[in-house]
Every structure is written in structure tokens, then in C-alpha cells.
Protein backbone atom coordinates (compact mmCIF):
# COMPACT_ATOMS: atom_id res chain seq x y z
CA MET A 1 -3.78 11.53 27.85
CA GLN A 2 -0.93 11.31 25.35
CA SER A 3 -3.11 9.19 23.05
CA ARG A 4 -5.87 11.82 23.19
CA GLN A 5 -3.38 14.58 22.36
CA LYS A 6 -2.10 12.57 19.40
CA LEU A 7 -5.66 11.96 18.17
CA SER A 8 -6.43 15.67 18.51
CA THR A 9 -3.30 16.58 16.55
CA ASN A 10 -4.03 14.05 13.79
CA PHE A 11 -7.65 15.22 13.57
CA SER A 12 -6.50 18.85 13.31
CA VAL A 13 -4.09 18.04 10.47
CA VAL A 14 -6.74 16.08 8.56
CA PHE A 15 -9.27 18.86 9.15
CA VAL A 16 -6.86 21.49 7.79
CA LEU A 17 -6.06 19.32 4.76
CA GLY A 18 -9.76 18.65 4.19
CA THR A 19 -10.58 22.36 4.40
CA PHE A 20 -7.78 23.15 1.96
CA ILE A 21 -9.09 20.53 -0.47
CA CYS A 22 -12.65 21.87 -0.24
CA LEU A 23 -11.44 25.40 -0.92
CA LEU A 24 -9.21 24.21 -3.75
CA PHE A 25 -11.89 22.17 -5.51
CA ALA A 26 -15.26 23.53 -4.46
CA VAL A 27 -14.70 27.31 -4.63
CA PRO A 28 -13.48 27.41 -8.26
CA LEU A 29 -16.40 25.19 -9.31
CA PHE A 30 -18.91 27.58 -7.74
CA LEU A 31 -17.18 30.61 -9.24
CA GLU A 32 -17.14 29.16 -12.75
CA SER A 33 -19.15 31.27 -15.17
CA ASP A 34 -19.00 32.77 -18.64
CA LEU A 35 -16.32 35.17 -17.42
CA PHE A 36 -14.36 32.57 -15.47
CA THR A 37 -13.84 29.13 -16.99
CA LEU A 38 -11.83 26.40 -15.32
CA PRO A 39 -9.17 24.70 -17.46
CA ASN A 40 -9.91 21.09 -18.36
CA SER A 41 -6.65 20.03 -16.69
CA PHE A 42 -7.95 21.27 -13.34
CA LYS A 43 -11.17 19.28 -13.73
CA GLN A 44 -9.11 16.22 -14.68
CA PHE A 45 -6.89 16.72 -11.63
CA ASN A 46 -10.00 17.05 -9.46
CA THR A 47 -11.47 13.82 -10.82
CA ILE A 48 -8.25 11.82 -10.46
CA PHE A 49 -7.58 13.05 -6.93
CA LEU A 50 -11.08 12.28 -5.69
CA SER A 51 -11.12 8.87 -7.42
CA ILE A 52 -7.87 7.89 -5.68
CA LEU A 53 -9.27 8.89 -2.30
CA ILE A 54 -12.65 7.23 -2.83
CA GLU A 55 -10.90 4.09 -4.05
CA ALA A 56 -8.46 3.92 -1.13
CA ILE A 57 -10.43 5.08 1.93
CA PRO A 58 -12.64 1.93 2.29
CA PHE A 59 -9.51 -0.22 2.39
CA VAL A 60 -7.83 2.11 4.86
CA LEU A 61 -10.91 1.83 7.09
CA ILE A 62 -10.75 -1.97 6.94
CA GLY A 63 -7.03 -1.83 7.63
CA VAL A 64 -7.29 0.40 10.71
CA LEU A 65 -10.11 -1.72 12.15
CA ILE A 66 -7.93 -4.82 11.81
CA ALA A 67 -5.01 -2.88 13.30
CA GLY A 68 -7.20 -1.89 16.26
CA PHE A 69 -8.25 -5.52 16.72
CA ILE A 70 -4.60 -6.63 16.70
CA GLN A 71 -3.70 -3.95 19.26
CA ILE A 72 -6.39 -4.96 21.77
CA PHE A 73 -7.09 -8.66 21.24
CA ILE A 74 -3.79 -10.12 19.97
CA THR A 75 -1.00 -10.53 22.50
CA GLU A 76 2.71 -11.02 21.93
CA ASP A 77 2.30 -14.65 23.02
CA HIS A 78 -0.22 -15.21 20.22
CA LEU A 79 2.21 -13.79 17.68
CA ARG A 80 5.16 -15.79 18.97
CA ALA A 81 3.10 -18.98 18.64
CA TRP A 82 2.01 -18.06 15.10
CA ILE A 83 5.40 -17.11 13.65
CA PRO A 84 8.05 -19.83 13.17
CA LYS A 85 11.45 -19.08 14.69
CA ASN A 86 13.26 -20.07 11.50
CA LYS A 87 13.65 -17.03 9.21
CA ILE A 88 12.86 -18.84 5.98
CA SER A 89 9.78 -20.50 7.47
CA ALA A 90 8.64 -17.18 8.93
CA VAL A 91 9.02 -15.42 5.57
CA LEU A 92 7.13 -18.16 3.73
CA MET A 93 4.38 -18.14 6.37
CA SER A 94 3.94 -14.36 6.19
CA CYS A 95 3.83 -14.39 2.38
CA VAL A 96 1.24 -17.19 2.33
CA VAL A 97 -0.94 -15.41 4.91
CA GLY A 98 -0.63 -12.17 2.93
CA ALA A 99 -1.64 -13.96 -0.27
CA LEU A 100 -4.87 -15.09 1.41
CA PHE A 101 -5.60 -11.67 2.91
CA PRO A 102 -7.69 -9.21 0.82
CA ALA A 103 -6.10 -5.80 1.37
CA CYS A 104 -4.81 -2.97 -0.77
CA GLU A 105 -1.41 -1.28 -0.43
CA CYS A 106 -2.97 1.57 1.56
CA GLY A 107 -4.98 -0.46 4.05
CA ILE A 108 -2.18 -2.91 4.78
CA VAL A 109 0.31 -0.28 6.02
CA PRO A 110 -1.38 0.33 9.41
CA ILE A 111 -1.84 -3.43 9.86
CA VAL A 112 1.86 -4.10 9.30
CA ARG A 113 2.86 -1.22 11.59
CA ARG A 114 0.74 -2.68 14.35
CA LEU A 115 2.05 -6.23 13.81
CA ILE A 116 5.69 -5.12 13.88
CA GLY A 117 5.02 -2.91 16.90
CA LYS A 118 3.62 -5.97 18.68
CA GLY A 119 6.76 -8.00 18.05
CA VAL A 120 6.41 -9.54 14.57
CA PRO A 121 9.88 -9.60 12.93
CA LEU A 122 10.44 -6.92 10.30
CA TYR A 123 11.04 -9.46 7.53
CA ALA A 124 7.76 -11.26 8.28
CA GLY A 125 5.92 -7.94 8.25
CA ILE A 126 7.46 -7.05 4.89
CA GLY A 127 6.43 -10.41 3.42
CA PHE A 128 2.86 -9.74 4.53
CA LEU A 129 3.05 -6.14 3.26
CA LEU A 130 4.11 -7.21 -0.24
CA THR A 131 1.85 -10.19 -0.91
CA GLY A 132 -1.35 -8.85 0.70
CA PRO A 133 -2.15 -6.28 -2.00
CA LEU A 134 -0.55 -8.26 -4.82
CA ILE A 135 -1.88 -11.81 -4.95
CA ASN A 136 -4.93 -11.98 -2.73
CA PRO A 137 -7.98 -13.81 -4.21
CA ILE A 138 -9.78 -10.62 -5.29
CA VAL A 139 -6.75 -9.37 -7.24
CA ILE A 140 -6.19 -12.70 -8.98
CA ILE A 141 -9.85 -12.95 -10.03
CA SER A 142 -9.83 -9.36 -11.34
CA THR A 143 -6.63 -10.10 -13.30
CA TYR A 144 -8.18 -13.22 -14.80
CA MET A 145 -11.25 -11.26 -15.91
CA ALA A 146 -9.35 -8.18 -17.14
CA PHE A 147 -7.26 -10.24 -19.57
CA GLY A 148 -10.24 -11.97 -21.15
CA ASN A 149 -10.31 -14.99 -18.83
CA ASP A 150 -6.63 -15.59 -19.52
CA LEU A 151 -5.40 -17.82 -16.71
CA LYS A 152 -1.75 -17.49 -17.75
CA MET A 153 -1.42 -13.81 -16.79
CA ALA A 154 -3.18 -14.37 -13.46
CA LEU A 155 -0.90 -17.32 -12.63
CA LEU A 156 2.22 -15.41 -13.66
CA ARG A 157 1.23 -12.48 -11.47
CA MET A 158 0.67 -14.82 -8.55
CA GLY A 159 3.78 -16.98 -9.04
CA VAL A 160 6.36 -14.34 -10.02
CA GLY A 161 4.98 -11.91 -7.45
CA PHE A 162 5.18 -14.48 -4.67
CA ILE A 163 8.77 -15.40 -5.54
CA ALA A 164 9.79 -11.72 -5.65
CA ALA A 165 8.13 -11.06 -2.27
CA VAL A 166 9.93 -14.02 -0.66
CA ILE A 167 13.29 -12.86 -2.02
CA ILE A 168 12.75 -9.29 -0.80
CA ALA A 169 11.67 -10.40 2.67
CA LEU A 170 14.65 -12.76 2.96
CA VAL A 171 17.10 -10.00 1.99
CA VAL A 172 15.47 -7.72 4.59
CA SER A 173 15.95 -10.46 7.21
CA PHE A 174 19.71 -10.40 6.61
CA LEU A 175 20.07 -6.62 6.32
CA TYR A 176 18.07 -5.50 9.38
CA LYS A 177 17.90 -6.74 12.95
CA SER A 178 15.67 -4.01 14.44
CA ASN A 179 12.08 -3.22 13.47
CA GLN A 180 12.99 0.09 11.70
CA LEU A 181 9.82 1.80 12.94
CA LYS A 182 10.09 5.57 13.06
CA ASN A 183 8.28 5.82 16.40
CA LYS A 184 7.82 3.26 19.12
CA ILE A 185 4.21 2.08 19.30
CA GLU A 186 2.62 2.30 22.73
CA LEU A 187 0.99 -0.97 23.72
CA ASP A 188 -2.24 -1.09 25.61
CA SER A 189 -1.75 -2.14 29.26
CA SER A 190 -4.81 -4.39 29.18
CA VAL A 191 -3.20 -6.35 26.35
CA THR A 192 0.34 -6.52 27.65
CA ASN A 193 -0.89 -7.54 31.11
CA PRO A 194 -3.35 -10.45 30.72
CA THR A 195 -4.28 -10.38 34.42
CA LYS A 196 -6.04 -7.04 33.87
CA LYS A 197 -8.32 -7.99 30.99
CA GLN A 198 -11.27 -5.68 30.62
CA PRO A 199 -14.85 -6.68 29.81
CA ILE A 200 -15.46 -7.35 26.12
CA VAL A 201 -17.54 -4.18 25.65
CA LEU A 202 -14.74 -1.99 26.99
CA ARG A 203 -12.17 -3.80 24.88
CA ILE A 204 -14.25 -3.23 21.74
CA HIS A 205 -14.50 0.45 22.73
CA GLU A 206 -10.70 0.58 23.08
CA MET A 207 -10.33 -1.15 19.72
CA LEU A 208 -12.48 1.50 18.05
CA ASN A 209 -10.50 4.28 19.77
CA HIS A 210 -7.25 2.84 18.42
CA SER A 211 -8.80 2.46 14.96
CA ILE A 212 -9.94 6.10 14.92
CA ASP A 213 -6.48 7.26 15.99
CA GLU A 214 -4.88 5.07 13.32
CA PHE A 215 -7.29 6.30 10.66
CA PHE A 216 -6.54 9.99 11.19
CA ASP A 217 -2.82 9.21 11.45
CA MET A 218 -2.85 7.40 8.08
CA SER A 219 -5.36 9.68 6.33
CA LYS A 220 -3.14 12.75 6.26
CA TYR A 221 -0.44 10.82 4.43
CA LEU A 222 -2.99 9.24 2.10
CA ILE A 223 -4.35 12.70 1.20
CA MET A 224 -0.86 14.04 0.51
CA GLY A 225 0.08 10.99 -1.54
CA ALA A 226 -3.14 11.13 -3.57
CA PHE A 227 -2.60 14.86 -4.18
CA VAL A 228 0.92 14.36 -5.55
CA ALA A 229 -0.13 11.32 -7.61
CA ALA A 230 -3.02 13.28 -9.16
CA LEU A 231 -0.69 16.18 -9.98
CA LEU A 232 1.74 13.89 -11.78
CA GLN A 233 -1.02 12.05 -13.65
CA THR A 234 -2.52 15.34 -14.82
CA TYR A 235 0.48 17.48 -15.65
CA VAL A 236 3.20 14.96 -16.55
CA SER A 237 2.65 13.54 -20.02
CA ALA A 238 2.76 9.76 -20.20
CA GLN A 239 4.42 10.14 -23.60
CA SER A 240 7.51 11.55 -21.86
CA LEU A 241 8.11 8.12 -20.36
CA PHE A 242 8.47 6.59 -23.81
CA LEU A 243 11.77 8.37 -24.41
CA PHE A 244 13.51 5.21 -23.16
CA GLY A 245 12.61 3.30 -26.34
CA ASP A 246 10.52 0.27 -27.10
CA GLY A 247 12.80 -2.68 -26.26
CA LEU A 248 11.87 -5.22 -23.57
CA VAL A 249 14.10 -3.63 -20.92
CA GLN A 250 13.01 -0.10 -21.77
CA SER A 251 9.31 -0.92 -21.95
CA THR A 252 9.50 -2.76 -18.62
CA ILE A 253 11.07 0.31 -17.00
CA VAL A 254 8.33 2.49 -18.50
CA MET A 255 5.53 0.27 -17.19
CA MET A 256 7.07 0.09 -13.73
CA ALA A 257 7.35 3.89 -13.70
CA LEU A 258 3.69 4.16 -14.74
CA ALA A 259 2.66 1.74 -11.99
CA TYR A 260 4.53 3.81 -9.42
CA PHE A 261 3.16 7.22 -10.41
CA LEU A 262 -0.40 6.18 -11.28
CA SER A 263 -0.83 4.73 -7.75
CA LEU A 264 -3.75 2.52 -8.75
CA CYS A 265 -5.62 0.28 -6.35
CA SER A 266 -4.47 -3.32 -6.80
CA GLU A 267 -8.06 -4.52 -7.19
CA ALA A 268 -8.45 -2.38 -10.34
CA ASP A 269 -4.97 -2.08 -11.86
CA ALA A 270 -5.37 -5.20 -14.03
CA PHE A 271 -7.98 -3.46 -16.19
CA ILE A 272 -5.58 -0.54 -16.76
CA GLY A 273 -2.73 -2.94 -17.48
CA ALA A 274 -4.85 -4.85 -19.99
CA SER A 275 -5.43 -1.62 -21.93
CA PHE A 276 -1.69 -1.58 -22.79
CA LYS A 277 -1.77 -4.98 -24.49
CA ASN A 278 -1.41 -3.47 -27.95
CA LEU A 279 1.46 -1.19 -26.92
CA PHE A 280 3.71 -3.31 -24.70
CA PRO A 281 4.82 -6.95 -24.47
CA SER A 282 3.17 -9.11 -21.83
CA THR A 283 6.39 -9.16 -19.78
CA SER A 284 6.27 -5.38 -19.34
CA ILE A 285 2.58 -5.51 -18.41
CA LEU A 286 3.40 -8.20 -15.85
CA ALA A 287 5.95 -5.84 -14.29
CA PHE A 288 3.22 -3.18 -14.11
CA LEU A 289 0.89 -5.60 -12.31
CA ILE A 290 3.50 -6.77 -9.78
CA TYR A 291 5.39 -3.57 -9.06
CA GLY A 292 2.45 -1.20 -8.43
CA PRO A 293 0.84 -3.13 -5.55
CA MET A 294 4.22 -3.56 -3.86
CA ILE A 295 5.28 0.09 -4.01
CA ASP A 296 3.72 3.21 -5.49
CA LEU A 297 3.81 6.93 -4.83
CA LYS A 298 1.04 7.24 -2.25
CA ASN A 299 2.17 4.03 -0.55
CA THR A 300 5.73 5.39 -0.32
CA ILE A 301 4.50 8.47 1.52
CA MET A 302 2.53 6.27 3.93
CA LEU A 303 5.56 4.04 4.48
CA LEU A 304 7.69 7.11 5.23
CA SER A 305 5.23 7.98 8.01
CA VAL A 306 5.76 4.55 9.60
CA PHE A 307 9.35 3.49 8.90
CA LYS A 308 12.70 5.27 8.94
CA ALA A 309 13.40 7.09 5.68
CA LYS A 310 16.64 5.19 5.03
CA PHE A 311 14.85 1.85 5.34
CA VAL A 312 12.06 2.96 2.97
CA PHE A 313 14.68 4.04 0.42
CA VAL A 314 16.48 0.67 0.66
CA LEU A 315 13.15 -1.16 0.44
CA PHE A 316 12.23 0.86 -2.65
CA LEU A 317 15.51 -0.08 -4.37
CA LEU A 318 15.16 -3.69 -3.30
CA ILE A 319 11.60 -4.00 -4.60
CA THR A 320 12.47 -2.27 -7.87
CA SER A 321 15.53 -4.39 -8.65
CA THR A 322 13.96 -7.68 -7.54
CA VAL A 323 10.71 -7.20 -9.45
CA PHE A 324 12.57 -6.15 -12.60
CA THR A 325 14.90 -9.16 -12.40
CA CYS A 326 12.16 -11.71 -11.64
CA VAL A 327 9.87 -10.38 -14.38
CA TYR A 328 12.69 -10.23 -16.94
CA LEU A 329 13.72 -13.83 -16.15
CA SER A 330 10.09 -14.95 -16.47
CA SER A 331 10.19 -13.89 -20.15
CA PHE A 332 12.43 -16.87 -20.85
CA ILE A 333 9.94 -19.37 -19.44
């Protein structure tokens, strides 16, 4: 009953947001005439907002389906057998699995929430969260192609990104003992009690129910994050970021800021990063490629819906400082 009430609430919020978006975008377009002309900035905002949603929703769908599968078919015993007890081994294992797992920063959030709720240590979940969108096979191939079949940039993204993710996850393992989830996740009784396993058809039905609930829960934060990201991209001039100067440190900060506010999908960000080759050094572009998939604006809003705000703030600072340091040191290689 409580799950149905939560689903109804999430659906209502998404419905209200969807109605607001339709009124915001569709009504002005229909009213446009010789007497009423929409500003180009509004049309640009419309395009950016919809492109972010269209780009992210397929990955969110994949993510919530996997999260539903984990909820119903994966038990705590399975997870305990999969994760090494040693912290360092667990972090390395989670980062390797994430590197092999094709997911974007939006779709991986519900997966990580479900894994941590089922008993995966926070540090292992963070390792998976960081490497999944950053160095999975699809991202590496797209990076290789975007930079004119330049293997060096693809390898640097993979190597430096992996090292940064391991460092961040290890620091988290020493800073936090609890899972830092905002709300306790209710576990399905048929999963927690193996003696009451349901028929496969019913379990698939339960998996889909959990996926639908997860989708509406995540979608409202995705919509809000995409809305804010589109606003910033449209009405905040990118030139204002260049006030820092053009040195290596300054340009790296600028590119990391762009990665955060642009909120690009990790499967496509390499092509945007490659467009800055004539403006910024390769080290700064590398920071853009590593930082964005780990943390961006829309992803931050989704993380705030899952984890405690204080933890998200610490994670943000940890990712920012670690990525900057690792990328800067890579310039001396």
C-alpha cells in the first residue's frame, strides 16, 4: 500500500511538471504570430532543455530496469559473495565493474541507490557510480573517434579517470561508515526471504513495478536538473567563465565549470570537448572529459534526491579537488 501511495505521489509530481513544461513551451509556440514573436533565446532554451531530456531518458529507463532487477532477483547473499571484504579490493572491483558497464551519469544513480540499499558498501557504490559513466567501452570509443582517432586522449581519459575514481572511493571508505542514503529503501519480502520465492512471472511483474516507481521518482529530479542546466546554458554567457585567464590552472577550472553546467551525456561529451582544441590545452580538455561524467548539475540534483545533502556536498568537493589534481599532474607525464 505504501509503495502504491509513493508511486501515485511520484506520478502526480511528474504529471504536474510535464503539464507545466507543455504550457511553457507549447502555448507560446502556438501563439506566435506577426504580432507576437518569441525571442531566439527562448527557442534556444527550448531546444537545449528538450535535447537534455531526450538524451538522458533512455539511459534512465535502462538504469531503472536494472535497479528493478537488482531489487527482485539479487539477494544480499549474492552481493556479499561478489564484493571482497577488503576495502581496497572492494573499491578496485567496483571501479573495474563500472568501467565495463555502459551507463550514463543519470541512469546509474538509481542503480547505485538500489545496490547500496541492498547492502553494498557506500565506497563500492561510489566507485561504480564514478567509473560507469566515465570509462565504459562506448565512452572510450566515442572519445577515440571525436579526437580524430587519437588513442592518447582516450587512454588518458580512461587511465586518469580510473585513478581519480579509485582515490575518491578510498577516501569515502575512510570518511563514512554508514550508507548516507536519505531514506531507507524498503526491500521486497520475496527477496529477503528466499523460502517465499514467487513464480518467475510474478517476480518479473514485481520487477517492472519497482522500475516504474523508480522511474517516476528519478524523472522529477531529472526534469528539474535539465531545466536549470538549460537556463544556465541559455542565459549565462560562456565568455563570462573566461575571466579567470588563459593559464593552465585557469583554463582547467573553466573547462571543469563548463562540464558541470553543460550537463552533457558522457556518450557525447567528447565531441563537444574536441571542439575546444583550438582554445584550450589538452590537459584542460581532459579535465572536461573526466569531471563532467562524474558530477554535473543535473546529476547533483539527482544525487541530492538519494543521498544526504552534506554527503553530496563533500562528494562534490572531493571529486572536484581529486580530478583537478590528477589531471594537473598528468600534464607532467
